[in-house]
Amino acid sequence: MPSYSWRVKRYTRDPKLREFQGQVAAEARRIGELARGRGYVIYAIRDPSHPDRIRHHPDGPPVYVGQTKQLHVRANDHMRDAGGGSIDQGWKTGRLKQIMKKWVVPKFEILDEAPTHLTSLIAETVWARRFMWLGYQLANRWPEHQSKERPNGLASVPLERLWEFTTAEAIEDEVRLVLGCRRCALEEDVPLSGKDPNAKLNAARGLVLKCGGCGERLSIDVRMPDAATWRWRSYEPAPMRPRDATIRSGAK
């Protein structure tokens, strides 16, 4: 396949490539329109170049599961990355590149919706594990997505994922940022209200703060909300259709 870019460019001379670029752009627009106004969505990318021998989906087997609040942007990013990525099929870009080398456009499917960033991470894990349990081979690299074990709500999301939350997302999901001094055995929550709502929590990792009591450097940690009182504790990802999976989220 010639050098690939998802954007349709006037100077593309190869008519086959130009047509293919238009098909790729059209798929990104299609799924973007379907996601419009939905908030966080959990999606699958499917491989139409192979038959789905497990659940017989017409667009082929799933190769990747993701979550986002801007699916039109994410779809464009996936297509662009596949155009210039490696051919290693263990990675998402490699799987997509292999599909597109056959002049086949990967298909996007909206699987579910979630009200917040944290609930979307739970749902993403649930859907990835459902597919893994059924026997699909996903290109997801996060360990929690490669497991076939029953998901367990908040415990299914590693703390490391929370550092990518914005201040506004952390407040909405009751995620805490905590300063602590191990020598003094003290902990104190960092007030998030009034902070830049678009600032990422991981910006706090670069801060160097010292304890006023002993002078030791303070630790900065991120914490999950209390599962018993979390305002979104009743959230459950939607069941698989047309057949429900035996794996449930355990989010309650």
C-alpha atoms as a PDB file:
ATOM      1  CA  MET A   1       0.000   0.000   0.000  1.00  0.00           C
ATOM      2  CA  PRO A   2       1.333   3.524  -0.737  1.00  0.00           C
ATOM      3  CA  SER A   3       2.280   5.948   2.031  1.00  0.00           C
ATOM      4  CA  TYR A   4      -0.965   6.654   3.838  1.00  0.00           C
ATOM      5  CA  SER A   5      -2.579   9.710   5.390  1.00  0.00           C
ATOM      6  CA  TRP A   6      -6.209   9.753   6.487  1.00  0.00           C
ATOM      7  CA  ARG A   7      -6.705  13.327   5.270  1.00  0.00           C
ATOM      8  CA  VAL A   8      -7.954  13.764   1.732  1.00  0.00           C
ATOM      9  CA  LYS A   9      -5.404  15.944  -0.039  1.00  0.00           C
ATOM     10  CA  ARG A  10      -5.846  17.648  -3.390  1.00  0.00           C
ATOM     11  CA  TYR A  11      -2.345  16.667  -4.489  1.00  0.00           C
ATOM     12  CA  THR A  12      -2.953  12.914  -4.061  1.00  0.00           C
ATOM     13  CA  ARG A  13      -2.396  11.626  -7.578  1.00  0.00           C
ATOM     14  CA  ASP A  14      -3.218   7.966  -7.038  1.00  0.00           C
ATOM     15  CA  PRO A  15      -7.005   7.741  -7.609  1.00  0.00           C
ATOM     16  CA  LYS A  16      -7.285   4.519  -5.600  1.00  0.00           C
ATOM     17  CA  LEU A  17      -5.516   6.080  -2.642  1.00  0.00           C
ATOM     18  CA  ARG A  18      -7.603   9.232  -2.897  1.00  0.00           C
ATOM     19  CA  GLU A  19     -10.813   7.196  -2.888  1.00  0.00           C
ATOM     20  CA  PHE A  20      -9.598   5.188   0.096  1.00  0.00           C
ATOM     21  CA  GLN A  21      -8.717   8.360   2.001  1.00  0.00           C
ATOM     22  CA  GLY A  22     -12.247   9.588   1.397  1.00  0.00           C
ATOM     23  CA  GLN A  23     -13.688   6.331   2.762  1.00  0.00           C
ATOM     24  CA  VAL A  24     -11.550   6.589   5.884  1.00  0.00           C
ATOM     25  CA  ALA A  25     -12.591  10.201   6.453  1.00  0.00           C
ATOM     26  CA  ALA A  26     -16.233   9.244   5.926  1.00  0.00           C
ATOM     27  CA  GLU A  27     -16.009   6.525   8.612  1.00  0.00           C
ATOM     28  CA  ALA A  28     -14.542   9.019  11.096  1.00  0.00           C
ATOM     29  CA  ARG A  29     -17.371  11.468  10.319  1.00  0.00           C
ATOM     30  CA  ARG A  30     -20.004   8.745  10.601  1.00  0.00           C
ATOM     31  CA  ILE A  31     -18.984   7.577  14.058  1.00  0.00           C
ATOM     32  CA  GLY A  32     -18.444  11.163  15.184  1.00  0.00           C
ATOM     33  CA  GLU A  33     -22.027  12.017  14.284  1.00  0.00           C
ATOM     34  CA  LEU A  34     -23.331   8.962  16.133  1.00  0.00           C
ATOM     35  CA  ALA A  35     -21.419  10.012  19.263  1.00  0.00           C
ATOM     36  CA  ARG A  36     -22.490  13.651  19.124  1.00  0.00           C
ATOM     37  CA  GLY A  37     -24.067  14.793  22.390  1.00  0.00           C
ATOM     38  CA  ARG A  38     -23.497  11.473  24.185  1.00  0.00           C
ATOM     39  CA  GLY A  39     -20.702  12.464  26.567  1.00  0.00           C
ATOM     40  CA  TYR A  40     -18.303   9.612  27.336  1.00  0.00           C
ATOM     41  CA  VAL A  41     -18.642   6.663  24.982  1.00  0.00           C
ATOM     42  CA  ILE A  42     -17.014   3.231  25.011  1.00  0.00           C
ATOM     43  CA  TYR A  43     -16.244   2.023  21.521  1.00  0.00           C
ATOM     44  CA  ALA A  44     -14.788  -0.914  19.614  1.00  0.00           C
ATOM     45  CA  ILE A  45     -12.728  -0.859  16.431  1.00  0.00           C
ATOM     46  CA  ARG A  46     -13.557  -3.848  14.234  1.00  0.00           C
ATOM     47  CA  ASP A  47     -11.685  -5.611  11.449  1.00  0.00           C
ATOM     48  CA  PRO A  48     -13.955  -6.046   8.389  1.00  0.00           C
ATOM     49  CA  SER A  49     -11.193  -7.945   6.572  1.00  0.00           C
ATOM     50  CA  HIS A  50     -11.787 -11.022   8.753  1.00  0.00           C
ATOM     51  CA  PRO A  51     -15.044 -12.791   9.688  1.00  0.00           C
ATOM     52  CA  ASP A  52     -16.195 -12.678  13.283  1.00  0.00           C
ATOM     53  CA  ARG A  53     -16.267 -16.408  14.068  1.00  0.00           C
ATOM     54  CA  ILE A  54     -17.381 -15.957  17.679  1.00  0.00           C
ATOM     55  CA  ARG A  55     -20.341 -13.575  17.654  1.00  0.00           C
ATOM     56  CA  HIS A  56     -20.674 -13.172  13.877  1.00  0.00           C
ATOM     57  CA  HIS A  57     -20.720  -9.389  13.830  1.00  0.00           C
ATOM     58  CA  PRO A  58     -21.075  -8.128  10.233  1.00  0.00           C
ATOM     59  CA  ASP A  59     -18.163  -5.687  10.642  1.00  0.00           C
ATOM     60  CA  GLY A  60     -15.748  -8.373  11.800  1.00  0.00           C
ATOM     61  CA  PRO A  61     -14.086  -9.113  15.143  1.00  0.00           C
ATOM     62  CA  PRO A  62     -13.130  -6.359  17.602  1.00  0.00           C
ATOM     63  CA  VAL A  63      -9.428  -5.505  17.670  1.00  0.00           C
ATOM     64  CA  TYR A  64      -9.468  -2.647  20.189  1.00  0.00           C
ATOM     65  CA  VAL A  65     -11.718  -1.183  22.885  1.00  0.00           C
ATOM     66  CA  GLY A  66     -11.442   2.422  24.014  1.00  0.00           C
ATOM     67  CA  GLN A  67     -13.283   5.253  25.736  1.00  0.00           C
ATOM     68  CA  THR A  68     -13.437   8.942  24.991  1.00  0.00           C
ATOM     69  CA  LYS A  69     -15.529  12.072  25.209  1.00  0.00           C
ATOM     70  CA  GLN A  70     -14.555  13.142  21.690  1.00  0.00           C
ATOM     71  CA  LEU A  71     -14.959  10.119  19.445  1.00  0.00           C
ATOM     72  CA  HIS A  72     -14.650  12.071  16.209  1.00  0.00           C
ATOM     73  CA  VAL A  73     -11.192  13.274  17.296  1.00  0.00           C
ATOM     74  CA  ARG A  74     -10.143   9.866  18.589  1.00  0.00           C
ATOM     75  CA  ALA A  75     -11.269   8.109  15.401  1.00  0.00           C
ATOM     76  CA  ASN A  76      -9.209  10.509  13.299  1.00  0.00           C
ATOM     77  CA  ASP A  77      -6.214   9.942  15.585  1.00  0.00           C
ATOM     78  CA  HIS A  78      -6.490   6.158  15.303  1.00  0.00           C
ATOM     79  CA  MET A  79      -6.645   6.314  11.506  1.00  0.00           C
ATOM     80  CA  ARG A  80      -3.717   8.717  11.292  1.00  0.00           C
ATOM     81  CA  ASP A  81      -1.580   6.663  13.678  1.00  0.00           C
ATOM     82  CA  ALA A  82      -2.259   3.510  11.655  1.00  0.00           C
ATOM     83  CA  GLY A  83      -1.059   5.277   8.526  1.00  0.00           C
ATOM     84  CA  GLY A  84       2.384   5.862   9.986  1.00  0.00           C
ATOM     85  CA  GLY A  85       2.608   3.172  12.657  1.00  0.00           C
ATOM     86  CA  SER A  86       4.593  -0.020  12.908  1.00  0.00           C
ATOM     87  CA  ILE A  87       3.279  -3.311  11.543  1.00  0.00           C
ATOM     88  CA  ASP A  88       3.590  -5.054  14.920  1.00  0.00           C
ATOM     89  CA  GLN A  89       0.173  -6.699  15.282  1.00  0.00           C
ATOM     90  CA  GLY A  90       0.504  -6.734  19.064  1.00  0.00           C
ATOM     91  CA  TRP A  91      -0.120  -2.996  19.034  1.00  0.00           C
ATOM     92  CA  LYS A  92      -3.285  -1.187  18.065  1.00  0.00           C
ATOM     93  CA  THR A  93      -1.577   0.824  15.333  1.00  0.00           C
ATOM     94  CA  GLY A  94      -0.075  -2.357  13.890  1.00  0.00           C
ATOM     95  CA  ARG A  95      -3.429  -4.153  13.805  1.00  0.00           C
ATOM     96  CA  LEU A  96      -5.089  -1.199  12.095  1.00  0.00           C
ATOM     97  CA  LYS A  97      -2.217  -0.840   9.650  1.00  0.00           C
ATOM     98  CA  GLN A  98      -2.571  -4.494   8.653  1.00  0.00           C
ATOM     99  CA  ILE A  99      -6.274  -3.946   7.960  1.00  0.00           C
ATOM    100  CA  MET A 100      -5.691  -0.800   5.931  1.00  0.00           C
ATOM    101  CA  LYS A 101      -2.910  -2.367   3.877  1.00  0.00           C
ATOM    102  CA  LYS A 102      -5.678  -4.487   2.383  1.00  0.00           C
ATOM    103  CA  TRP A 103      -7.541  -1.291   1.383  1.00  0.00           C
ATOM    104  CA  VAL A 104     -10.153  -2.037   4.051  1.00  0.00           C
ATOM    105  CA  VAL A 105     -11.491   0.681   6.353  1.00  0.00           C
ATOM    106  CA  PRO A 106     -11.651  -0.279  10.075  1.00  0.00           C
ATOM    107  CA  LYS A 107     -15.171   0.080  11.451  1.00  0.00           C
ATOM    108  CA  PHE A 108     -16.060   1.854  14.695  1.00  0.00           C
ATOM    109  CA  GLU A 109     -18.907   0.745  16.942  1.00  0.00           C
ATOM    110  CA  ILE A 110     -20.311   2.521  19.999  1.00  0.00           C
ATOM    111  CA  LEU A 111     -20.705  -0.109  22.708  1.00  0.00           C
ATOM    112  CA  ASP A 112     -21.851   1.896  25.698  1.00  0.00           C
ATOM    113  CA  GLU A 113     -22.112   5.300  27.370  1.00  0.00           C
ATOM    114  CA  ALA A 114     -20.952   6.526  30.762  1.00  0.00           C
ATOM    115  CA  PRO A 115     -21.695   9.699  32.755  1.00  0.00           C
ATOM    116  CA  THR A 116     -18.146  10.465  33.966  1.00  0.00           C
ATOM    117  CA  HIS A 117     -14.495   9.801  33.208  1.00  0.00           C
ATOM    118  CA  LEU A 118     -14.106   7.221  35.979  1.00  0.00           C
ATOM    119  CA  THR A 119     -17.285   5.342  35.062  1.00  0.00           C
ATOM    120  CA  SER A 120     -16.071   5.280  31.449  1.00  0.00           C
ATOM    121  CA  LEU A 121     -12.790   3.664  32.563  1.00  0.00           C
ATOM    122  CA  ILE A 122     -14.772   1.028  34.459  1.00  0.00           C
ATOM    123  CA  ALA A 123     -16.952   0.361  31.423  1.00  0.00           C
ATOM    124  CA  GLU A 124     -13.923   0.239  29.107  1.00  0.00           C
ATOM    125  CA  THR A 125     -12.377  -2.446  31.322  1.00  0.00           C
ATOM    126  CA  VAL A 126     -15.639  -4.388  31.501  1.00  0.00           C
ATOM    127  CA  TRP A 127     -16.065  -4.415  27.722  1.00  0.00           C
ATOM    128  CA  ALA A 128     -12.441  -5.327  27.061  1.00  0.00           C
ATOM    129  CA  ARG A 129     -12.643  -8.235  29.496  1.00  0.00           C
ATOM    130  CA  ARG A 130     -15.935  -9.401  28.019  1.00  0.00           C
ATOM    131  CA  PHE A 131     -14.303  -9.672  24.600  1.00  0.00           C
ATOM    132  CA  MET A 132     -11.196 -11.314  26.039  1.00  0.00           C
ATOM    133  CA  TRP A 133     -13.316 -13.837  27.944  1.00  0.00           C
ATOM    134  CA  LEU A 134     -15.206 -14.675  24.749  1.00  0.00           C
ATOM    135  CA  GLY A 135     -11.913 -15.455  23.018  1.00  0.00           C
ATOM    136  CA  TYR A 136     -11.112 -12.313  21.015  1.00  0.00           C
ATOM    137  CA  GLN A 137      -7.524 -11.049  20.818  1.00  0.00           C
ATOM    138  CA  LEU A 138      -7.488  -7.324  21.545  1.00  0.00           C
ATOM    139  CA  ALA A 139      -4.604  -4.965  20.902  1.00  0.00           C
ATOM    140  CA  ASN A 140      -5.292  -3.108  24.172  1.00  0.00           C
ATOM    141  CA  ARG A 141      -2.034  -2.799  26.101  1.00  0.00           C
ATOM    142  CA  TRP A 142      -3.265  -1.973  29.592  1.00  0.00           C
ATOM    143  CA  PRO A 143      -3.011  -5.074  31.830  1.00  0.00           C
ATOM    144  CA  GLU A 144      -6.509  -4.582  33.243  1.00  0.00           C
ATOM    145  CA  HIS A 145      -7.895  -4.942  29.706  1.00  0.00           C
ATOM    146  CA  GLN A 146      -5.998  -8.155  28.967  1.00  0.00           C
ATOM    147  CA  SER A 147      -7.392  -9.999  31.981  1.00  0.00           C
ATOM    148  CA  LYS A 148     -10.273 -12.468  31.784  1.00  0.00           C
ATOM    149  CA  GLU A 149     -11.120 -12.108  35.472  1.00  0.00           C
ATOM    150  CA  ARG A 150     -14.447 -10.709  36.619  1.00  0.00           C
ATOM    151  CA  PRO A 151     -14.187  -6.894  36.882  1.00  0.00           C
ATOM    152  CA  ASN A 152     -14.712  -5.353  40.298  1.00  0.00           C
ATOM    153  CA  GLY A 153     -15.970  -1.805  39.880  1.00  0.00           C
ATOM    154  CA  LEU A 154     -13.557   0.841  41.132  1.00  0.00           C
ATOM    155  CA  ALA A 155     -10.980  -1.824  41.936  1.00  0.00           C
ATOM    156  CA  SER A 156     -10.790  -2.588  38.199  1.00  0.00           C
ATOM    157  CA  VAL A 157      -9.148   0.786  37.500  1.00  0.00           C
ATOM    158  CA  PRO A 158      -5.492   1.220  38.583  1.00  0.00           C
ATOM    159  CA  LEU A 159      -4.735   4.392  40.522  1.00  0.00           C
ATOM    160  CA  GLU A 160      -2.227   5.356  37.846  1.00  0.00           C
ATOM    161  CA  ARG A 161      -5.085   6.115  35.436  1.00  0.00           C
ATOM    162  CA  LEU A 162      -6.401   8.871  37.716  1.00  0.00           C
ATOM    163  CA  TRP A 163      -3.382  11.111  37.210  1.00  0.00           C
ATOM    164  CA  GLU A 164      -4.679  11.923  33.712  1.00  0.00           C
ATOM    165  CA  PHE A 165      -7.915  13.367  35.105  1.00  0.00           C
ATOM    166  CA  THR A 166      -8.500  17.088  34.901  1.00  0.00           C
ATOM    167  CA  THR A 167      -9.415  18.955  38.067  1.00  0.00           C
ATOM    168  CA  ALA A 168     -13.028  19.180  36.890  1.00  0.00           C
ATOM    169  CA  GLU A 169     -13.170  15.427  36.208  1.00  0.00           C
ATOM    170  CA  ALA A 170     -11.653  14.664  39.619  1.00  0.00           C
ATOM    171  CA  ILE A 171     -14.260  16.794  41.388  1.00  0.00           C
ATOM    172  CA  GLU A 172     -17.095  15.189  39.428  1.00  0.00           C
ATOM    173  CA  ASP A 173     -15.845  11.696  40.286  1.00  0.00           C
ATOM    174  CA  GLU A 174     -14.813  12.478  43.895  1.00  0.00           C
ATOM    175  CA  VAL A 175     -11.199  11.591  43.131  1.00  0.00           C
ATOM    176  CA  ARG A 176      -8.877  12.959  45.819  1.00  0.00           C
ATOM    177  CA  LEU A 177      -5.391  14.427  45.710  1.00  0.00           C
ATOM    178  CA  VAL A 178      -3.628  13.855  49.038  1.00  0.00           C
ATOM    179  CA  LEU A 179      -0.489  15.356  50.604  1.00  0.00           C
ATOM    180  CA  GLY A 180       1.187  13.181  53.203  1.00  0.00           C
ATOM    181  CA  CYS A 181       4.177  13.052  55.522  1.00  0.00           C
ATOM    182  CA  ARG A 182       5.241   9.524  56.347  1.00  0.00           C
ATOM    183  CA  ARG A 183       7.460  10.576  59.248  1.00  0.00           C
ATOM    184  CA  CYS A 184       4.673  12.551  60.922  1.00  0.00           C
ATOM    185  CA  ALA A 185       1.979  10.074  59.818  1.00  0.00           C
ATOM    186  CA  LEU A 186      -0.137  12.931  58.510  1.00  0.00           C
ATOM    187  CA  GLU A 187      -2.373  13.216  55.452  1.00  0.00           C
ATOM    188  CA  GLU A 188      -4.306  16.169  54.104  1.00  0.00           C
ATOM    189  CA  ASP A 189      -6.577  16.492  51.086  1.00  0.00           C
ATOM    190  CA  VAL A 190      -5.631  19.106  48.508  1.00  0.00           C
ATOM    191  CA  PRO A 191      -8.648  21.373  47.847  1.00  0.00           C
ATOM    192  CA  LEU A 192      -9.499  21.103  44.153  1.00  0.00           C
ATOM    193  CA  SER A 193     -12.318  23.611  43.979  1.00  0.00           C
ATOM    194  CA  GLY A 194     -11.103  26.926  42.636  1.00  0.00           C
ATOM    195  CA  LYS A 195      -8.266  25.309  40.685  1.00  0.00           C
ATOM    196  CA  ASP A 196      -7.984  25.465  36.897  1.00  0.00           C
ATOM    197  CA  PRO A 197     -10.712  22.977  35.812  1.00  0.00           C
ATOM    198  CA  ASN A 198      -8.689  21.907  32.767  1.00  0.00           C
ATOM    199  CA  ALA A 199      -5.415  21.296  34.617  1.00  0.00           C
ATOM    200  CA  LYS A 200      -4.321  17.644  34.823  1.00  0.00           C
ATOM    201  CA  LEU A 201      -3.743  16.106  38.230  1.00  0.00           C
ATOM    202  CA  ASN A 202      -0.355  14.823  37.080  1.00  0.00           C
ATOM    203  CA  ALA A 203       0.923  18.425  37.089  1.00  0.00           C
ATOM    204  CA  ALA A 204       1.035  18.093  40.884  1.00  0.00           C
ATOM    205  CA  ARG A 205       3.641  15.345  40.654  1.00  0.00           C
ATOM    206  CA  GLY A 206       6.319  17.892  39.888  1.00  0.00           C
ATOM    207  CA  LEU A 207       5.684  19.918  43.029  1.00  0.00           C
ATOM    208  CA  VAL A 208       8.301  19.829  45.785  1.00  0.00           C
ATOM    209  CA  LEU A 209       6.640  20.576  49.120  1.00  0.00           C
ATOM    210  CA  LYS A 210       8.040  20.080  52.606  1.00  0.00           C
ATOM    211  CA  CYS A 211       6.324  19.214  55.849  1.00  0.00           C
ATOM    212  CA  GLY A 212       6.044  22.127  58.216  1.00  0.00           C
ATOM    213  CA  GLY A 213       6.641  19.834  61.175  1.00  0.00           C
ATOM    214  CA  CYS A 214       9.705  17.771  60.252  1.00  0.00           C
ATOM    215  CA  GLY A 215      10.932  19.339  57.028  1.00  0.00           C
ATOM    216  CA  GLU A 216      10.672  16.070  55.057  1.00  0.00           C
ATOM    217  CA  ARG A 217       9.397  16.165  51.492  1.00  0.00           C
ATOM    218  CA  LEU A 218       5.659  15.587  51.284  1.00  0.00           C
ATOM    219  CA  SER A 219       4.291  12.771  49.156  1.00  0.00           C
ATOM    220  CA  ILE A 220       1.555  13.552  46.648  1.00  0.00           C
ATOM    221  CA  ASP A 221      -0.869  10.708  45.965  1.00  0.00           C
ATOM    222  CA  VAL A 222      -4.129  10.254  44.124  1.00  0.00           C
ATOM    223  CA  ARG A 223      -6.984   8.320  45.758  1.00  0.00           C
ATOM    224  CA  MET A 224     -10.121   6.607  44.553  1.00  0.00           C
ATOM    225  CA  PRO A 225     -13.477   7.774  45.901  1.00  0.00           C
ATOM    226  CA  ASP A 226     -15.019   5.822  48.762  1.00  0.00           C
ATOM    227  CA  ALA A 227     -16.846   2.945  47.053  1.00  0.00           C
ATOM    228  CA  ALA A 228     -19.578   2.937  49.716  1.00  0.00           C
ATOM    229  CA  THR A 229     -20.507   6.604  49.288  1.00  0.00           C
ATOM    230  CA  TRP A 230     -19.389   7.364  45.723  1.00  0.00           C
ATOM    231  CA  ARG A 231     -22.177   9.254  43.981  1.00  0.00           C
ATOM    232  CA  TRP A 232     -21.846   7.043  40.865  1.00  0.00           C
ATOM    233  CA  ARG A 233     -21.720   3.721  42.737  1.00  0.00           C
ATOM    234  CA  SER A 234     -24.930   2.480  41.093  1.00  0.00           C
ATOM    235  CA  TYR A 235     -23.503   2.819  37.583  1.00  0.00           C
ATOM    236  CA  GLU A 236     -23.484  -0.423  35.581  1.00  0.00           C
ATOM    237  CA  PRO A 237     -22.218  -0.870  32.007  1.00  0.00           C
ATOM    238  CA  ALA A 238     -24.876  -2.039  29.567  1.00  0.00           C
ATOM    239  CA  PRO A 239     -25.127  -5.788  28.903  1.00  0.00           C
ATOM    240  CA  MET A 240     -23.830  -7.237  25.653  1.00  0.00           C
ATOM    241  CA  ARG A 241     -26.410  -7.643  22.933  1.00  0.00           C
ATOM    242  CA  PRO A 242     -27.972  -9.796  21.613  1.00  0.00           C
ATOM    243  CA  ARG A 243     -26.494 -12.232  24.138  1.00  0.00           C
ATOM    244  CA  ASP A 244     -25.502 -11.061  27.583  1.00  0.00           C
ATOM    245  CA  ALA A 245     -21.999 -11.877  28.815  1.00  0.00           C
ATOM    246  CA  THR A 246     -21.457 -13.709  32.091  1.00  0.00           C
ATOM    247  CA  ILE A 247     -19.023 -11.016  33.227  1.00  0.00           C
ATOM    248  CA  ARG A 248     -20.548  -8.073  35.035  1.00  0.00           C
ATOM    249  CA  SER A 249     -18.838  -4.978  36.353  1.00  0.00           C
ATOM    250  CA  GLY A 250     -19.333  -5.339  40.102  1.00  0.00           C
ATOM    251  CA  ALA A 251     -19.597  -1.548  40.232  1.00  0.00           C
ATOM    252  CA  LYS A 252     -22.328  -1.562  42.844  1.00  0.00           C
END
